[in-house]
C-alpha atoms as a PDB file:
ATOM      1  CA  MET A   1       0.000   0.000   0.000  1.00  0.00           C
ATOM      2  CA  ALA A   2       1.238   3.481  -0.766  1.00  0.00           C
ATOM      3  CA  TYR A   3       1.396   5.663   2.321  1.00  0.00           C
ATOM      4  CA  ALA A   4       2.721   8.656   0.386  1.00  0.00           C
ATOM      5  CA  THR A   5       2.027  10.233  -2.979  1.00  0.00           C
ATOM      6  CA  LEU A   6       4.111  12.214  -5.402  1.00  0.00           C
ATOM      7  CA  GLN A   7       2.419  15.357  -4.100  1.00  0.00           C
ATOM      8  CA  ASP A   8       3.338  14.379  -0.518  1.00  0.00           C
ATOM      9  CA  LEU A   9       6.989  14.110  -1.578  1.00  0.00           C
ATOM     10  CA  ILE A  10       6.847  17.480  -3.335  1.00  0.00           C
ATOM     11  CA  THR A  11       5.281  19.096  -0.277  1.00  0.00           C
ATOM     12  CA  ARG A  12       7.794  17.529   2.108  1.00  0.00           C
ATOM     13  CA  PHE A  13      11.005  17.891   0.074  1.00  0.00           C
ATOM     14  CA  SER A  14      10.235  20.462  -2.694  1.00  0.00           C
ATOM     15  CA  GLU A  15       9.895  19.997  -6.412  1.00  0.00           C
ATOM     16  CA  ARG A  16      13.461  21.216  -6.996  1.00  0.00           C
ATOM     17  CA  ARG A  17      14.884  18.569  -4.642  1.00  0.00           C
ATOM     18  CA  LEU A  18      12.886  15.787  -6.299  1.00  0.00           C
ATOM     19  CA  ILE A  19      14.115  16.911  -9.702  1.00  0.00           C
ATOM     20  CA  GLN A  20      17.681  16.747  -8.406  1.00  0.00           C
ATOM     21  CA  LEU A  21      17.106  13.259  -6.993  1.00  0.00           C
ATOM     22  CA  THR A  22      15.231  11.707  -9.911  1.00  0.00           C
ATOM     23  CA  ASP A  23      16.271  13.375 -13.178  1.00  0.00           C
ATOM     24  CA  ARG A  24      18.598  10.832 -14.747  1.00  0.00           C
ATOM     25  CA  PHE A  25      18.482  12.184 -18.296  1.00  0.00           C
ATOM     26  CA  ASP A  26      21.575  13.452 -20.088  1.00  0.00           C
ATOM     27  CA  PRO A  27      21.204  16.338 -20.663  1.00  0.00           C
ATOM     28  CA  PRO A  28      18.897  16.839 -17.658  1.00  0.00           C
ATOM     29  CA  ALA A  29      15.219  17.167 -18.524  1.00  0.00           C
ATOM     30  CA  GLU A  30      14.623  19.322 -15.418  1.00  0.00           C
ATOM     31  CA  VAL A  31      11.484  17.370 -14.490  1.00  0.00           C
ATOM     32  CA  ILE A  32      10.628  14.860 -11.782  1.00  0.00           C
ATOM     33  CA  ASP A  33      10.944  11.321 -13.113  1.00  0.00           C
ATOM     34  CA  GLU A  34       7.625   9.932 -11.926  1.00  0.00           C
ATOM     35  CA  SER A  35       8.624   6.324 -12.581  1.00  0.00           C
ATOM     36  CA  VAL A  36      11.531   6.691 -10.140  1.00  0.00           C
ATOM     37  CA  THR A  37       9.288   8.246  -7.483  1.00  0.00           C
ATOM     38  CA  ALA A  38       6.551   5.626  -8.026  1.00  0.00           C
ATOM     39  CA  GLU A  39       9.056   2.829  -7.472  1.00  0.00           C
ATOM     40  CA  ALA A  40      10.391   4.512  -4.335  1.00  0.00           C
ATOM     41  CA  ILE A  41       6.874   5.061  -2.955  1.00  0.00           C
ATOM     42  CA  GLU A  42       5.968   1.432  -3.628  1.00  0.00           C
ATOM     43  CA  HIS A  43       9.118   0.184  -1.905  1.00  0.00           C
ATOM     44  CA  ALA A  44       8.472   2.464   1.070  1.00  0.00           C
ATOM     45  CA  GLY A  45       4.922   1.083   1.411  1.00  0.00           C
ATOM     46  CA  ASP A  46       6.203  -2.482   1.248  1.00  0.00           C
ATOM     47  CA  ARG A  47       8.758  -1.670   3.910  1.00  0.00           C
ATOM     48  CA  ILE A  48       6.153  -0.162   6.245  1.00  0.00           C
ATOM     49  CA  ASP A  49       3.844  -3.139   5.696  1.00  0.00           C
ATOM     50  CA  GLY A  50       6.722  -5.519   6.395  1.00  0.00           C
ATOM     51  CA  TYR A  51       7.540  -3.909   9.719  1.00  0.00           C
ATOM     52  CA  GLY A  52       3.893  -3.716  10.764  1.00  0.00           C
ATOM     53  CA  ARG A  53       2.936  -7.223   9.637  1.00  0.00           C
ATOM     54  CA  ALA A  54       4.019  -8.824  12.905  1.00  0.00           C
ATOM     55  CA  VAL A  55       1.702  -6.669  14.998  1.00  0.00           C
ATOM     56  CA  PHE A  56      -1.113  -5.304  12.822  1.00  0.00           C
ATOM     57  CA  ALA A  57      -3.451  -6.553  10.118  1.00  0.00           C
ATOM     58  CA  ARG A  58      -1.930  -5.346   6.836  1.00  0.00           C
ATOM     59  CA  PRO A  59      -2.370  -3.114   4.945  1.00  0.00           C
ATOM     60  CA  PHE A  60      -3.943  -0.362   7.007  1.00  0.00           C
ATOM     61  CA  ALA A  61      -7.348   0.703   5.659  1.00  0.00           C
ATOM     62  CA  SER A  62      -6.173   4.293   5.938  1.00  0.00           C
ATOM     63  CA  GLY A  63      -2.782   5.392   7.085  1.00  0.00           C
ATOM     64  CA  PRO A  64      -2.299   7.812   9.956  1.00  0.00           C
ATOM     65  CA  PRO A  65      -0.180  10.910   9.254  1.00  0.00           C
ATOM     66  CA  LEU A  66       2.826   9.261  10.899  1.00  0.00           C
ATOM     67  CA  LEU A  67       2.823   6.582   8.200  1.00  0.00           C
ATOM     68  CA  ASN A  68       2.652   9.248   5.504  1.00  0.00           C
ATOM     69  CA  GLY A  69       5.777  10.866   6.930  1.00  0.00           C
ATOM     70  CA  LEU A  70       7.529   7.513   7.220  1.00  0.00           C
ATOM     71  CA  GLY A  71       6.529   6.690   3.658  1.00  0.00           C
ATOM     72  CA  CYS A  72       7.964   9.975   2.365  1.00  0.00           C
ATOM     73  CA  ASP A  73      11.176   9.618   4.341  1.00  0.00           C
ATOM     74  CA  SER A  74      11.650   5.987   3.384  1.00  0.00           C
ATOM     75  CA  ALA A  75      11.007   6.722  -0.295  1.00  0.00           C
ATOM     76  CA  GLN A  76      13.533   9.530  -0.319  1.00  0.00           C
ATOM     77  CA  LEU A  77      16.199   7.651   1.619  1.00  0.00           C
ATOM     78  CA  ARG A  78      15.892   4.385  -0.244  1.00  0.00           C
ATOM     79  CA  ARG A  79      15.432   5.044  -3.917  1.00  0.00           C
ATOM     80  CA  LEU A  80      15.721   8.691  -4.769  1.00  0.00           C
ATOM     81  CA  HIS A  81      19.387   9.052  -3.845  1.00  0.00           C
END
């Protein structure tokens, strides 16, 4: 389950930062590569579900704000760098 969206990442980290982290074109396209962010968001959701599986029924029907923040942070730390 996705606990963050592209818009959540933009709000949390800024569009400029996401462009820097995801634009892999040569020369740079100066746009967010949405396939890179989608993969990172998916991995972050899987990671959250994996940690919570031992204690909670997965996936959550709706994620609390804490999970949104964890999803954003995990997506940025894992895949966008």
